[in-house]
Amino acid sequence: MNEPYDLGLLIKNARKEKGLTQKRLAEKLGLSDAAVNKYEKNTAIPPFDVMIRISNLFNVSMDYLAGTEKPTDITYGLNQEQREIISMLAKSFRQKNEAIPKIKNITESQYAIIGRIAVELSKTEY
């Protein structure tokens, strides 16, 4: 069963995921904090140009903001530690691919990151 669509809640959750206050989000979008507050409370709908800026800032598609698609950012919904692990792993793979494109063994740094992934996945804070 699908949850009801709520643009205000999507914006609020994305803002909190980024660790932003309404005031800071407003600054990043070039808006007043009152406008952001209205968007989050669904008492106003952001114009198209603002929706594009929100989409870019939160790295989600316009379809996601319209309630028809899941986030495009693979780290959406992860905590800061998990995002850092994913970022480090991707960076490590990029460096390895640039340096030695044909070798299939993992490096020590990749092994360390896998260890961190294992620790993070074993936490039972659900």
PDB file of N, CA and C in Angstrom:
ATOM      1  N   MET A   1       0.836  -1.177   0.000  1.00  0.00           N
ATOM      2  CA  MET A   1       0.000   0.000   0.000  1.00  0.00           C
ATOM      3  C   MET A   1       0.880   1.239   0.000  1.00  0.00           C
ATOM      4  N   ASN A   2       0.599   2.189  -0.863  1.00  0.00           N
ATOM      5  CA  ASN A   2       1.386   3.405  -0.960  1.00  0.00           C
ATOM      6  C   ASN A   2       0.979   4.400   0.118  1.00  0.00           C
ATOM      7  N   GLU A   3       1.986   5.122   0.628  1.00  0.00           N
ATOM      8  CA  GLU A   3       1.700   6.184   1.576  1.00  0.00           C
ATOM      9  C   GLU A   3       1.172   7.386   0.811  1.00  0.00           C
ATOM     10  N   PRO A   4       0.353   8.218   1.452  1.00  0.00           N
ATOM     11  CA  PRO A   4      -0.139   9.408   0.755  1.00  0.00           C
ATOM     12  C   PRO A   4       1.011  10.350   0.412  1.00  0.00           C
ATOM     13  N   TYR A   5       0.865  11.028  -0.704  1.00  0.00           N
ATOM     14  CA  TYR A   5       1.876  11.965  -1.162  1.00  0.00           C
ATOM     15  C   TYR A   5       1.826  13.235  -0.321  1.00  0.00           C
ATOM     16  N   ASP A   6       3.003  13.699   0.136  1.00  0.00           N
ATOM     17  CA  ASP A   6       3.087  14.900   0.959  1.00  0.00           C
ATOM     18  C   ASP A   6       4.385  15.623   0.612  1.00  0.00           C
ATOM     19  N   LEU A   7       4.301  16.607  -0.298  1.00  0.00           N
ATOM     20  CA  LEU A   7       5.491  17.346  -0.719  1.00  0.00           C
ATOM     21  C   LEU A   7       6.161  18.029   0.454  1.00  0.00           C
ATOM     22  N   GLY A   8       5.370  18.619   1.343  1.00  0.00           N
ATOM     23  CA  GLY A   8       5.937  19.289   2.508  1.00  0.00           C
ATOM     24  C   GLY A   8       6.780  18.353   3.348  1.00  0.00           C
ATOM     25  N   LEU A   9       6.290  17.149   3.560  1.00  0.00           N
ATOM     26  CA  LEU A   9       7.026  16.159   4.337  1.00  0.00           C
ATOM     27  C   LEU A   9       8.294  15.710   3.599  1.00  0.00           C
ATOM     28  N   LEU A  10       8.195  15.559   2.285  1.00  0.00           N
ATOM     29  CA  LEU A  10       9.388  15.207   1.500  1.00  0.00           C
ATOM     30  C   LEU A  10      10.478  16.261   1.667  1.00  0.00           C
ATOM     31  N   ILE A  11      10.097  17.531   1.560  1.00  0.00           N
ATOM     32  CA  ILE A  11      11.062  18.621   1.709  1.00  0.00           C
ATOM     33  C   ILE A  11      11.630  18.639   3.123  1.00  0.00           C
ATOM     34  N   LYS A  12      10.764  18.516   4.103  1.00  0.00           N
ATOM     35  CA  LYS A  12      11.202  18.537   5.505  1.00  0.00           C
ATOM     36  C   LYS A  12      12.172  17.391   5.797  1.00  0.00           C
ATOM     37  N   ASN A  13      11.830  16.187   5.368  1.00  0.00           N
ATOM     38  CA  ASN A  13      12.701  15.033   5.619  1.00  0.00           C
ATOM     39  C   ASN A  13      14.042  15.178   4.905  1.00  0.00           C
ATOM     40  N   ALA A  14      14.016  15.659   3.673  1.00  0.00           N
ATOM     41  CA  ALA A  14      15.262  15.861   2.922  1.00  0.00           C
ATOM     42  C   ALA A  14      16.123  16.925   3.600  1.00  0.00           C
ATOM     43  N   ARG A  15      15.476  17.982   4.074  1.00  0.00           N
ATOM     44  CA  ARG A  15      16.204  19.045   4.781  1.00  0.00           C
ATOM     45  C   ARG A  15      16.877  18.502   6.030  1.00  0.00           C
ATOM     46  N   LYS A  16      16.133  17.727   6.800  1.00  0.00           N
ATOM     47  CA  LYS A  16      16.689  17.157   8.033  1.00  0.00           C
ATOM     48  C   LYS A  16      17.803  16.159   7.740  1.00  0.00           C
ATOM     49  N   GLU A  17      17.644  15.384   6.660  1.00  0.00           N
ATOM     50  CA  GLU A  17      18.698  14.438   6.255  1.00  0.00           C
ATOM     51  C   GLU A  17      20.008  15.164   5.984  1.00  0.00           C
ATOM     52  N   LYS A  18      19.911  16.365   5.436  1.00  0.00           N
ATOM     53  CA  LYS A  18      21.103  17.179   5.140  1.00  0.00           C
ATOM     54  C   LYS A  18      21.567  17.957   6.355  1.00  0.00           C
ATOM     55  N   GLY A  19      20.824  17.880   7.457  1.00  0.00           N
ATOM     56  CA  GLY A  19      21.193  18.594   8.671  1.00  0.00           C
ATOM     57  C   GLY A  19      20.995  20.098   8.558  1.00  0.00           C
ATOM     58  N   LEU A  20      20.007  20.508   7.787  1.00  0.00           N
ATOM     59  CA  LEU A  20      19.760  21.928   7.565  1.00  0.00           C
ATOM     60  C   LEU A  20      18.571  22.419   8.393  1.00  0.00           C
ATOM     61  N   THR A  21      18.658  23.652   8.847  1.00  0.00           N
ATOM     62  CA  THR A  21      17.503  24.309   9.437  1.00  0.00           C
ATOM     63  C   THR A  21      16.675  24.896   8.305  1.00  0.00           C
ATOM     64  N   GLN A  22      15.460  25.301   8.605  1.00  0.00           N
ATOM     65  CA  GLN A  22      14.648  25.963   7.583  1.00  0.00           C
ATOM     66  C   GLN A  22      15.347  27.236   7.102  1.00  0.00           C
ATOM     67  N   LYS A  23      15.951  27.962   8.017  1.00  0.00           N
ATOM     68  CA  LYS A  23      16.644  29.207   7.659  1.00  0.00           C
ATOM     69  C   LYS A  23      17.799  28.923   6.712  1.00  0.00           C
ATOM     70  N   ARG A  24      18.598  27.892   7.014  1.00  0.00           N
ATOM     71  CA  ARG A  24      19.755  27.563   6.164  1.00  0.00           C
ATOM     72  C   ARG A  24      19.299  27.062   4.793  1.00  0.00           C
ATOM     73  N   LEU A  25      18.235  26.262   4.760  1.00  0.00           N
ATOM     74  CA  LEU A  25      17.695  25.802   3.483  1.00  0.00           C
ATOM     75  C   LEU A  25      17.223  26.993   2.663  1.00  0.00           C
ATOM     76  N   ALA A  26      16.538  27.920   3.324  1.00  0.00           N
ATOM     77  CA  ALA A  26      16.055  29.115   2.627  1.00  0.00           C
ATOM     78  C   ALA A  26      17.229  29.886   2.018  1.00  0.00           C
ATOM     79  N   GLU A  27      18.310  30.017   2.760  1.00  0.00           N
ATOM     80  CA  GLU A  27      19.496  30.716   2.244  1.00  0.00           C
ATOM     81  C   GLU A  27      20.044  30.004   1.009  1.00  0.00           C
ATOM     82  N   LYS A  28      20.144  28.691   1.081  1.00  0.00           N
ATOM     83  CA  LYS A  28      20.683  27.922  -0.045  1.00  0.00           C
ATOM     84  C   LYS A  28      19.796  28.026  -1.287  1.00  0.00           C
ATOM     85  N   LEU A  29      18.490  28.176  -1.070  1.00  0.00           N
ATOM     86  CA  LEU A  29      17.546  28.252  -2.185  1.00  0.00           C
ATOM     87  C   LEU A  29      17.266  29.694  -2.623  1.00  0.00           C
ATOM     88  N   GLY A  30      17.790  30.656  -1.877  1.00  0.00           N
ATOM     89  CA  GLY A  30      17.544  32.057  -2.196  1.00  0.00           C
ATOM     90  C   GLY A  30      16.122  32.473  -1.876  1.00  0.00           C
ATOM     91  N   LEU A  31      15.586  31.935  -0.781  1.00  0.00           N
ATOM     92  CA  LEU A  31      14.204  32.200  -0.377  1.00  0.00           C
ATOM     93  C   LEU A  31      14.175  32.731   1.047  1.00  0.00           C
ATOM     94  N   SER A  32      12.997  33.140   1.495  1.00  0.00           N
ATOM     95  CA  SER A  32      12.825  33.488   2.904  1.00  0.00           C
ATOM     96  C   SER A  32      12.557  32.201   3.688  1.00  0.00           C
ATOM     97  N   ASP A  33      12.888  32.218   4.983  1.00  0.00           N
ATOM     98  CA  ASP A  33      12.594  31.026   5.782  1.00  0.00           C
ATOM     99  C   ASP A  33      11.082  30.858   5.937  1.00  0.00           C
ATOM    100  N   ALA A  34      10.316  31.950   5.815  1.00  0.00           N
ATOM    101  CA  ALA A  34       8.853  31.842   5.854  1.00  0.00           C
ATOM    102  C   ALA A  34       8.343  31.034   4.655  1.00  0.00           C
ATOM    103  N   ALA A  35       8.968  31.213   3.485  1.00  0.00           N
ATOM    104  CA  ALA A  35       8.562  30.450   2.295  1.00  0.00           C
ATOM    105  C   ALA A  35       8.814  28.962   2.510  1.00  0.00           C
ATOM    106  N   VAL A  36      10.000  28.624   3.028  1.00  0.00           N
ATOM    107  CA  VAL A  36      10.321  27.216   3.287  1.00  0.00           C
ATOM    108  C   VAL A  36       9.329  26.640   4.289  1.00  0.00           C
ATOM    109  N   ASN A  37       9.001  27.403   5.317  1.00  0.00           N
ATOM    110  CA  ASN A  37       8.039  26.953   6.316  1.00  0.00           C
ATOM    111  C   ASN A  37       6.687  26.659   5.671  1.00  0.00           C
ATOM    112  N   LYS A  38       6.247  27.527   4.769  1.00  0.00           N
ATOM    113  CA  LYS A  38       4.973  27.314   4.074  1.00  0.00           C
ATOM    114  C   LYS A  38       5.020  26.068   3.196  1.00  0.00           C
ATOM    115  N   TYR A  39       6.151  25.836   2.531  1.00  0.00           N
ATOM    116  CA  TYR A  39       6.278  24.643   1.683  1.00  0.00           C
ATOM    117  C   TYR A  39       6.198  23.379   2.531  1.00  0.00           C
ATOM    118  N   GLU A  40       6.896  23.392   3.681  1.00  0.00           N
ATOM    119  CA  GLU A  40       6.897  22.205   4.538  1.00  0.00           C
ATOM    120  C   GLU A  40       5.533  21.952   5.175  1.00  0.00           C
ATOM    121  N   LYS A  41       4.757  22.999   5.384  1.00  0.00           N
ATOM    122  CA  LYS A  41       3.428  22.853   5.977  1.00  0.00           C
ATOM    123  C   LYS A  41       2.341  22.689   4.919  1.00  0.00           C
ATOM    124  N   ASN A  42       2.747  22.658   3.656  1.00  0.00           N
ATOM    125  CA  ASN A  42       1.813  22.507   2.537  1.00  0.00           C
ATOM    126  C   ASN A  42       0.775  23.620   2.469  1.00  0.00           C
ATOM    127  N   THR A  43       1.159  24.819   2.919  1.00  0.00           N
ATOM    128  CA  THR A  43       0.254  25.957   2.780  1.00  0.00           C
ATOM    129  C   THR A  43       0.602  26.772   1.537  1.00  0.00           C
ATOM    130  N   ALA A  44       1.710  26.409   0.891  1.00  0.00           N
ATOM    131  CA  ALA A  44       2.096  27.008  -0.388  1.00  0.00           C
ATOM    132  C   ALA A  44       2.847  25.945  -1.178  1.00  0.00           C
ATOM    133  N   ILE A  45       2.777  26.046  -2.488  1.00  0.00           N
ATOM    134  CA  ILE A  45       3.475  25.111  -3.372  1.00  0.00           C
ATOM    135  C   ILE A  45       4.633  25.854  -4.025  1.00  0.00           C
ATOM    136  N   PRO A  46       5.844  25.269  -3.976  1.00  0.00           N
ATOM    137  CA  PRO A  46       6.983  25.954  -4.591  1.00  0.00           C
ATOM    138  C   PRO A  46       6.785  26.099  -6.102  1.00  0.00           C
ATOM    139  N   PRO A  47       7.163  27.261  -6.656  1.00  0.00           N
ATOM    140  CA  PRO A  47       7.123  27.404  -8.113  1.00  0.00           C
ATOM    141  C   PRO A  47       8.108  26.435  -8.770  1.00  0.00           C
ATOM    142  N   PHE A  48       7.936  26.240 -10.054  1.00  0.00           N
ATOM    143  CA  PHE A  48       8.747  25.277 -10.801  1.00  0.00           C
ATOM    144  C   PHE A  48      10.244  25.530 -10.642  1.00  0.00           C
ATOM    145  N   ASP A  49      10.690  26.786 -10.737  1.00  0.00           N
ATOM    146  CA  ASP A  49      12.123  27.080 -10.623  1.00  0.00           C
ATOM    147  C   ASP A  49      12.656  26.727  -9.241  1.00  0.00           C
ATOM    148  N   VAL A  50      11.837  26.893  -8.214  1.00  0.00           N
ATOM    149  CA  VAL A  50      12.249  26.519  -6.858  1.00  0.00           C
ATOM    150  C   VAL A  50      12.295  24.999  -6.729  1.00  0.00           C
ATOM    151  N   MET A  51      11.346  24.308  -7.349  1.00  0.00           N
ATOM    152  CA  MET A  51      11.356  22.841  -7.334  1.00  0.00           C
ATOM    153  C   MET A  51      12.641  22.316  -7.970  1.00  0.00           C
ATOM    154  N   ILE A  52      13.091  22.947  -9.031  1.00  0.00           N
ATOM    155  CA  ILE A  52      14.347  22.538  -9.675  1.00  0.00           C
ATOM    156  C   ILE A  52      15.514  22.737  -8.717  1.00  0.00           C
ATOM    157  N   ARG A  53      15.539  23.862  -8.017  1.00  0.00           N
ATOM    158  CA  ARG A  53      16.635  24.111  -7.059  1.00  0.00           C
ATOM    159  C   ARG A  53      16.590  23.101  -5.903  1.00  0.00           C
ATOM    160  N   ILE A  54      15.384  22.785  -5.436  1.00  0.00           N
ATOM    161  CA  ILE A  54      15.235  21.781  -4.373  1.00  0.00           C
ATOM    162  C   ILE A  54      15.729  20.432  -4.877  1.00  0.00           C
ATOM    163  N   SER A  55      15.338  20.068  -6.080  1.00  0.00           N
ATOM    164  CA  SER A  55      15.756  18.807  -6.690  1.00  0.00           C
ATOM    165  C   SER A  55      17.280  18.712  -6.765  1.00  0.00           C
ATOM    166  N   ASN A  56      17.908  19.779  -7.218  1.00  0.00           N
ATOM    167  CA  ASN A  56      19.372  19.794  -7.340  1.00  0.00           C
ATOM    168  C   ASN A  56      20.054  19.748  -5.979  1.00  0.00           C
ATOM    169  N   LEU A  57      19.551  20.513  -5.040  1.00  0.00           N
ATOM    170  CA  LEU A  57      20.163  20.571  -3.710  1.00  0.00           C
ATOM    171  C   LEU A  57      20.123  19.217  -3.012  1.00  0.00           C
ATOM    172  N   PHE A  58      18.987  18.532  -3.118  1.00  0.00           N
ATOM    173  CA  PHE A  58      18.833  17.258  -2.418  1.00  0.00           C
ATOM    174  C   PHE A  58      19.179  16.050  -3.287  1.00  0.00           C
ATOM    175  N   ASN A  59      19.616  16.315  -4.505  1.00  0.00           N
ATOM    176  CA  ASN A  59      20.017  15.252  -5.422  1.00  0.00           C
ATOM    177  C   ASN A  59      18.905  14.210  -5.608  1.00  0.00           C
ATOM    178  N   VAL A  60      17.709  14.737  -5.859  1.00  0.00           N
ATOM    179  CA  VAL A  60      16.565  13.877  -6.170  1.00  0.00           C
ATOM    180  C   VAL A  60      15.965  14.365  -7.481  1.00  0.00           C
ATOM    181  N   SER A  61      15.235  13.503  -8.127  1.00  0.00           N
ATOM    182  CA  SER A  61      14.618  13.884  -9.395  1.00  0.00           C
ATOM    183  C   SER A  61      13.351  14.694  -9.149  1.00  0.00           C
ATOM    184  N   MET A  62      12.930  15.385 -10.182  1.00  0.00           N
ATOM    185  CA  MET A  62      11.655  16.096 -10.118  1.00  0.00           C
ATOM    186  C   MET A  62      10.518  15.089  -9.957  1.00  0.00           C
ATOM    187  N   ASP A  63      10.663  13.901 -10.546  1.00  0.00           N
ATOM    188  CA  ASP A  63       9.656  12.855 -10.378  1.00  0.00           C
ATOM    189  C   ASP A  63       9.519  12.461  -8.909  1.00  0.00           C
ATOM    190  N   TYR A  64      10.649  12.398  -8.215  1.00  0.00           N
ATOM    191  CA  TYR A  64      10.607  12.082  -6.784  1.00  0.00           C
ATOM    192  C   TYR A  64       9.821  13.151  -6.029  1.00  0.00           C
ATOM    193  N   LEU A  65      10.112  14.428  -6.335  1.00  0.00           N
ATOM    194  CA  LEU A  65       9.394  15.510  -5.664  1.00  0.00           C
ATOM    195  C   LEU A  65       7.911  15.496  -6.006  1.00  0.00           C
ATOM    196  N   ALA A  66       7.585  14.989  -7.181  1.00  0.00           N
ATOM    197  CA  ALA A  66       6.183  14.880  -7.582  1.00  0.00           C
ATOM    198  C   ALA A  66       5.516  13.644  -6.975  1.00  0.00           C
ATOM    199  N   GLY A  67       6.298  12.817  -6.295  1.00  0.00           N
ATOM    200  CA  GLY A  67       5.748  11.645  -5.631  1.00  0.00           C
ATOM    201  C   GLY A  67       5.634  10.417  -6.505  1.00  0.00           C
ATOM    202  N   THR A  68       6.325  10.415  -7.659  1.00  0.00           N
ATOM    203  CA  THR A  68       6.194   9.284  -8.581  1.00  0.00           C
ATOM    204  C   THR A  68       7.446   8.431  -8.683  1.00  0.00           C
ATOM    205  N   GLU A  69       8.506   8.792  -7.981  1.00  0.00           N
ATOM    206  CA  GLU A  69       9.755   8.046  -8.087  1.00  0.00           C
ATOM    207  C   GLU A  69      10.508   8.079  -6.770  1.00  0.00           C
ATOM    208  N   LYS A  70      11.296   7.061  -6.549  1.00  0.00           N
ATOM    209  CA  LYS A  70      12.141   7.010  -5.364  1.00  0.00           C
ATOM    210  C   LYS A  70      13.348   7.921  -5.555  1.00  0.00           C
ATOM    211  N   PRO A  71      14.071   8.260  -4.463  1.00  0.00           N
ATOM    212  CA  PRO A  71      15.238   9.135  -4.583  1.00  0.00           C
ATOM    213  C   PRO A  71      16.295   8.558  -5.525  1.00  0.00           C
ATOM    214  N   THR A  72      17.030   9.443  -6.211  1.00  0.00           N
ATOM    215  CA  THR A  72      18.091   8.993  -7.107  1.00  0.00           C
ATOM    216  C   THR A  72      19.428   8.871  -6.381  1.00  0.00           C
ATOM    217  N   ASP A  73      19.551   9.493  -5.244  1.00  0.00           N
ATOM    218  CA  ASP A  73      20.781   9.443  -4.465  1.00  0.00           C
ATOM    219  C   ASP A  73      20.810   8.107  -3.723  1.00  0.00           C
ATOM    220  N   ILE A  74      21.814   7.272  -4.005  1.00  0.00           N
ATOM    221  CA  ILE A  74      21.852   5.953  -3.372  1.00  0.00           C
ATOM    222  C   ILE A  74      22.074   6.035  -1.871  1.00  0.00           C
ATOM    223  N   THR A  75      22.518   7.185  -1.366  1.00  0.00           N
ATOM    224  CA  THR A  75      22.729   7.314   0.069  1.00  0.00           C
ATOM    225  C   THR A  75      21.528   7.920   0.781  1.00  0.00           C
ATOM    226  N   TYR A  76      20.446   8.184   0.044  1.00  0.00           N
ATOM    227  CA  TYR A  76      19.247   8.765   0.666  1.00  0.00           C
ATOM    228  C   TYR A  76      18.738   7.831   1.760  1.00  0.00           C
ATOM    229  N   GLY A  77      18.464   8.393   2.912  1.00  0.00           N
ATOM    230  CA  GLY A  77      17.939   7.611   4.022  1.00  0.00           C
ATOM    231  C   GLY A  77      19.003   6.957   4.888  1.00  0.00           C
ATOM    232  N   LEU A  78      20.274   7.114   4.510  1.00  0.00           N
ATOM    233  CA  LEU A  78      21.353   6.550   5.316  1.00  0.00           C
ATOM    234  C   LEU A  78      21.829   7.593   6.322  1.00  0.00           C
ATOM    235  N   ASN A  79      22.387   7.110   7.436  1.00  0.00           N
ATOM    236  CA  ASN A  79      22.925   8.066   8.395  1.00  0.00           C
ATOM    237  C   ASN A  79      24.305   8.542   7.927  1.00  0.00           C
ATOM    238  N   GLN A  80      24.869   9.505   8.639  1.00  0.00           N
ATOM    239  CA  GLN A  80      26.124  10.124   8.211  1.00  0.00           C
ATOM    240  C   GLN A  80      27.262   9.101   8.122  1.00  0.00           C
ATOM    241  N   GLU A  81      27.360   8.206   9.077  1.00  0.00           N
ATOM    242  CA  GLU A  81      28.414   7.182   9.069  1.00  0.00           C
ATOM    243  C   GLU A  81      28.285   6.284   7.841  1.00  0.00           C
ATOM    244  N   GLN A  82      27.066   5.883   7.535  1.00  0.00           N
ATOM    245  CA  GLN A  82      26.825   5.024   6.377  1.00  0.00           C
ATOM    246  C   GLN A  82      27.151   5.762   5.080  1.00  0.00           C
ATOM    247  N   ARG A  83      26.794   7.047   5.005  1.00  0.00           N
ATOM    248  CA  ARG A  83      27.125   7.844   3.809  1.00  0.00           C
ATOM    249  C   ARG A  83      28.634   7.949   3.626  1.00  0.00           C
ATOM    250  N   GLU A  84      29.335   8.150   4.729  1.00  0.00           N
ATOM    251  CA  GLU A  84      30.797   8.254   4.675  1.00  0.00           C
ATOM    252  C   GLU A  84      31.411   6.948   4.177  1.00  0.00           C
ATOM    253  N   ILE A  85      30.908   5.827   4.647  1.00  0.00           N
ATOM    254  CA  ILE A  85      31.417   4.524   4.223  1.00  0.00           C
ATOM    255  C   ILE A  85      31.212   4.339   2.720  1.00  0.00           C
ATOM    256  N   ILE A  86      30.013   4.631   2.236  1.00  0.00           N
ATOM    257  CA  ILE A  86      29.712   4.483   0.804  1.00  0.00           C
ATOM    258  C   ILE A  86      30.609   5.401  -0.018  1.00  0.00           C
ATOM    259  N   SER A  87      30.770   6.634   0.444  1.00  0.00           N
ATOM    260  CA  SER A  87      31.605   7.606  -0.264  1.00  0.00           C
ATOM    261  C   SER A  87      33.064   7.130  -0.324  1.00  0.00           C
ATOM    262  N   MET A  88      33.571   6.639   0.796  1.00  0.00           N
ATOM    263  CA  MET A  88      34.953   6.153   0.837  1.00  0.00           C
ATOM    264  C   MET A  88      35.137   4.939  -0.073  1.00  0.00           C
ATOM    265  N   LEU A  89      34.179   4.042  -0.070  1.00  0.00           N
ATOM    266  CA  LEU A  89      34.268   2.857  -0.907  1.00  0.00           C
ATOM    267  C   LEU A  89      34.276   3.241  -2.386  1.00  0.00           C
ATOM    268  N   ALA A  90      33.380   4.135  -2.780  1.00  0.00           N
ATOM    269  CA  ALA A  90      33.330   4.579  -4.176  1.00  0.00           C
ATOM    270  C   ALA A  90      34.634   5.270  -4.568  1.00  0.00           C
ATOM    271  N   LYS A  91      35.154   6.121  -3.687  1.00  0.00           N
ATOM    272  CA  LYS A  91      36.416   6.822  -3.962  1.00  0.00           C
ATOM    273  C   LYS A  91      37.558   5.827  -4.115  1.00  0.00           C
ATOM    274  N   SER A  92      37.582   4.840  -3.251  1.00  0.00           N
ATOM    275  CA  SER A  92      38.628   3.824  -3.307  1.00  0.00           C
ATOM    276  C   SER A  92      38.572   3.039  -4.618  1.00  0.00           C
ATOM    277  N   PHE A  93      37.371   2.649  -5.036  1.00  0.00           N
ATOM    278  CA  PHE A  93      37.224   1.929  -6.302  1.00  0.00           C
ATOM    279  C   PHE A  93      37.635   2.797  -7.484  1.00  0.00           C
ATOM    280  N   ARG A  94      37.262   4.089  -7.446  1.00  0.00           N
ATOM    281  CA  ARG A  94      37.660   4.991  -8.537  1.00  0.00           C
ATOM    282  C   ARG A  94      39.169   5.089  -8.637  1.00  0.00           C
ATOM    283  N   GLN A  95      39.838   5.259  -7.493  1.00  0.00           N
ATOM    284  CA  GLN A  95      41.299   5.370  -7.483  1.00  0.00           C
ATOM    285  C   GLN A  95      41.932   4.095  -8.017  1.00  0.00           C
ATOM    286  N   LYS A  96      41.419   2.963  -7.586  1.00  0.00           N
ATOM    287  CA  LYS A  96      41.971   1.697  -8.048  1.00  0.00           C
ATOM    288  C   LYS A  96      41.744   1.531  -9.550  1.00  0.00           C
ATOM    289  N   ASN A  97      40.557   1.887 -10.027  1.00  0.00           N
ATOM    290  CA  ASN A  97      40.264   1.767 -11.454  1.00  0.00           C
ATOM    291  C   ASN A  97      41.164   2.656 -12.297  1.00  0.00           C
ATOM    292  N   GLU A  98      41.480   3.832 -11.796  1.00  0.00           N
ATOM    293  CA  GLU A  98      42.357   4.744 -12.528  1.00  0.00           C
ATOM    294  C   GLU A  98      43.791   4.238 -12.527  1.00  0.00           C
ATOM    295  N   ALA A  99      44.227   3.685 -11.390  1.00  0.00           N
ATOM    296  CA  ALA A  99      45.618   3.271 -11.256  1.00  0.00           C
ATOM    297  C   ALA A  99      45.895   1.915 -11.900  1.00  0.00           C
ATOM    298  N   ILE A 100      45.051   0.949 -11.635  1.00  0.00           N
ATOM    299  CA  ILE A 100      45.290  -0.420 -12.103  1.00  0.00           C
ATOM    300  C   ILE A 100      43.971  -0.992 -12.604  1.00  0.00           C
ATOM    301  N   PRO A 101      43.577  -0.692 -13.821  1.00  0.00           N
ATOM    302  CA  PRO A 101      42.247  -1.088 -14.286  1.00  0.00           C
ATOM    303  C   PRO A 101      42.017  -2.585 -14.439  1.00  0.00           C
ATOM    304  N   LYS A 102      43.045  -3.418 -14.536  1.00  0.00           N
ATOM    305  CA  LYS A 102      42.832  -4.845 -14.810  1.00  0.00           C
ATOM    306  C   LYS A 102      42.949  -5.740 -13.575  1.00  0.00           C
ATOM    307  N   ILE A 103      43.437  -5.249 -12.450  1.00  0.00           N
ATOM    308  CA  ILE A 103      43.633  -6.094 -11.263  1.00  0.00           C
ATOM    309  C   ILE A 103      42.301  -6.312 -10.550  1.00  0.00           C
ATOM    310  N   LYS A 104      42.037  -7.546 -10.117  1.00  0.00           N
ATOM    311  CA  LYS A 104      40.758  -7.866  -9.506  1.00  0.00           C
ATOM    312  C   LYS A 104      40.843  -8.074  -7.996  1.00  0.00           C
ATOM    313  N   ASN A 105      42.015  -7.966  -7.391  1.00  0.00           N
ATOM    314  CA  ASN A 105      42.145  -8.110  -5.941  1.00  0.00           C
ATOM    315  C   ASN A 105      41.765  -6.803  -5.258  1.00  0.00           C
ATOM    316  N   ILE A 106      41.215  -6.910  -4.028  1.00  0.00           N
ATOM    317  CA  ILE A 106      40.878  -5.682  -3.321  1.00  0.00           C
ATOM    318  C   ILE A 106      42.098  -5.171  -2.566  1.00  0.00           C
ATOM    319  N   THR A 107      42.163  -3.858  -2.399  1.00  0.00           N
ATOM    320  CA  THR A 107      43.285  -3.231  -1.706  1.00  0.00           C
ATOM    321  C   THR A 107      43.038  -3.251  -0.205  1.00  0.00           C
ATOM    322  N   GLU A 108      44.082  -2.897   0.560  1.00  0.00           N
ATOM    323  CA  GLU A 108      43.937  -2.835   2.013  1.00  0.00           C
ATOM    324  C   GLU A 108      42.895  -1.813   2.420  1.00  0.00           C
ATOM    325  N   SER A 109      42.881  -0.670   1.740  1.00  0.00           N
ATOM    326  CA  SER A 109      41.899   0.369   2.099  1.00  0.00           C
ATOM    327  C   SER A 109      40.480  -0.116   1.807  1.00  0.00           C
ATOM    328  N   GLN A 110      40.297  -0.841   0.706  1.00  0.00           N
ATOM    329  CA  GLN A 110      38.971  -1.381   0.405  1.00  0.00           C
ATOM    330  C   GLN A 110      38.585  -2.441   1.444  1.00  0.00           C
ATOM    331  N   TYR A 111      39.529  -3.243   1.858  1.00  0.00           N
ATOM    332  CA  TYR A 111      39.280  -4.244   2.883  1.00  0.00           C
ATOM    333  C   TYR A 111      38.862  -3.568   4.195  1.00  0.00           C
ATOM    334  N   ALA A 112      39.527  -2.464   4.545  1.00  0.00           N
ATOM    335  CA  ALA A 112      39.181  -1.722   5.765  1.00  0.00           C
ATOM    336  C   ALA A 112      37.763  -1.156   5.659  1.00  0.00           C
ATOM    337  N   ILE A 113      37.407  -0.666   4.490  1.00  0.00           N
ATOM    338  CA  ILE A 113      36.067  -0.121   4.296  1.00  0.00           C
ATOM    339  C   ILE A 113      35.029  -1.229   4.406  1.00  0.00           C
ATOM    340  N   ILE A 114      35.323  -2.389   3.852  1.00  0.00           N
ATOM    341  CA  ILE A 114      34.409  -3.532   3.959  1.00  0.00           C
ATOM    342  C   ILE A 114      34.210  -3.900   5.425  1.00  0.00           C
ATOM    343  N   GLY A 115      35.282  -3.820   6.203  1.00  0.00           N
ATOM    344  CA  GLY A 115      35.174  -4.067   7.639  1.00  0.00           C
ATOM    345  C   GLY A 115      34.228  -3.081   8.301  1.00  0.00           C
ATOM    346  N   ARG A 116      34.331  -1.816   7.923  1.00  0.00           N
ATOM    347  CA  ARG A 116      33.439  -0.796   8.479  1.00  0.00           C
ATOM    348  C   ARG A 116      31.996  -1.052   8.057  1.00  0.00           C
ATOM    349  N   ILE A 117      31.823  -1.495   6.817  1.00  0.00           N
ATOM    350  CA  ILE A 117      30.479  -1.816   6.340  1.00  0.00           C
ATOM    351  C   ILE A 117      29.896  -2.947   7.187  1.00  0.00           C
ATOM    352  N   ALA A 118      30.697  -3.979   7.433  1.00  0.00           N
ATOM    353  CA  ALA A 118      30.245  -5.111   8.217  1.00  0.00           C
ATOM    354  C   ALA A 118      29.848  -4.685   9.626  1.00  0.00           C
ATOM    355  N   VAL A 119      30.643  -3.805  10.242  1.00  0.00           N
ATOM    356  CA  VAL A 119      30.326  -3.318  11.579  1.00  0.00           C
ATOM    357  C   VAL A 119      29.016  -2.537  11.557  1.00  0.00           C
ATOM    358  N   GLU A 120      28.862  -1.650  10.563  1.00  0.00           N
ATOM    359  CA  GLU A 120      27.645  -0.829  10.461  1.00  0.00           C
ATOM    360  C   GLU A 120      26.412  -1.711  10.247  1.00  0.00           C
ATOM    361  N   LEU A 121      26.533  -2.726   9.384  1.00  0.00           N
ATOM    362  CA  LEU A 121      25.386  -3.589   9.127  1.00  0.00           C
ATOM    363  C   LEU A 121      25.034  -4.476  10.309  1.00  0.00           C
ATOM    364  N   SER A 122      26.000  -4.735  11.185  1.00  0.00           N
ATOM    365  CA  SER A 122      25.743  -5.602  12.330  1.00  0.00           C
ATOM    366  C   SER A 122      25.085  -4.866  13.502  1.00  0.00           C
ATOM    367  N   LYS A 123      25.004  -3.528  13.425  1.00  0.00           N
ATOM    368  CA  LYS A 123      24.345  -2.775  14.494  1.00  0.00           C
ATOM    369  C   LYS A 123      22.863  -3.108  14.498  1.00  0.00           C
ATOM    370  N   THR A 124      22.308  -3.221  15.675  1.00  0.00           N
ATOM    371  CA  THR A 124      20.896  -3.582  15.783  1.00  0.00           C
ATOM    372  C   THR A 124      20.092  -2.440  16.413  1.00  0.00           C
ATOM    373  N   GLU A 125      20.237  -1.248  15.890  1.00  0.00           N
ATOM    374  CA  GLU A 125      19.532  -0.082  16.414  1.00  0.00           C
ATOM    375  C   GLU A 125      18.220   0.156  15.681  1.00  0.00           C
ATOM    376  N   TYR A 126      17.575  -0.848  15.196  1.00  0.00           N
ATOM    377  CA  TYR A 126      16.385  -0.688  14.365  1.00  0.00           C
ATOM    378  C   TYR A 126      15.182  -0.490  15.207  1.00  0.00           C
TER     379      TYR A 126
END
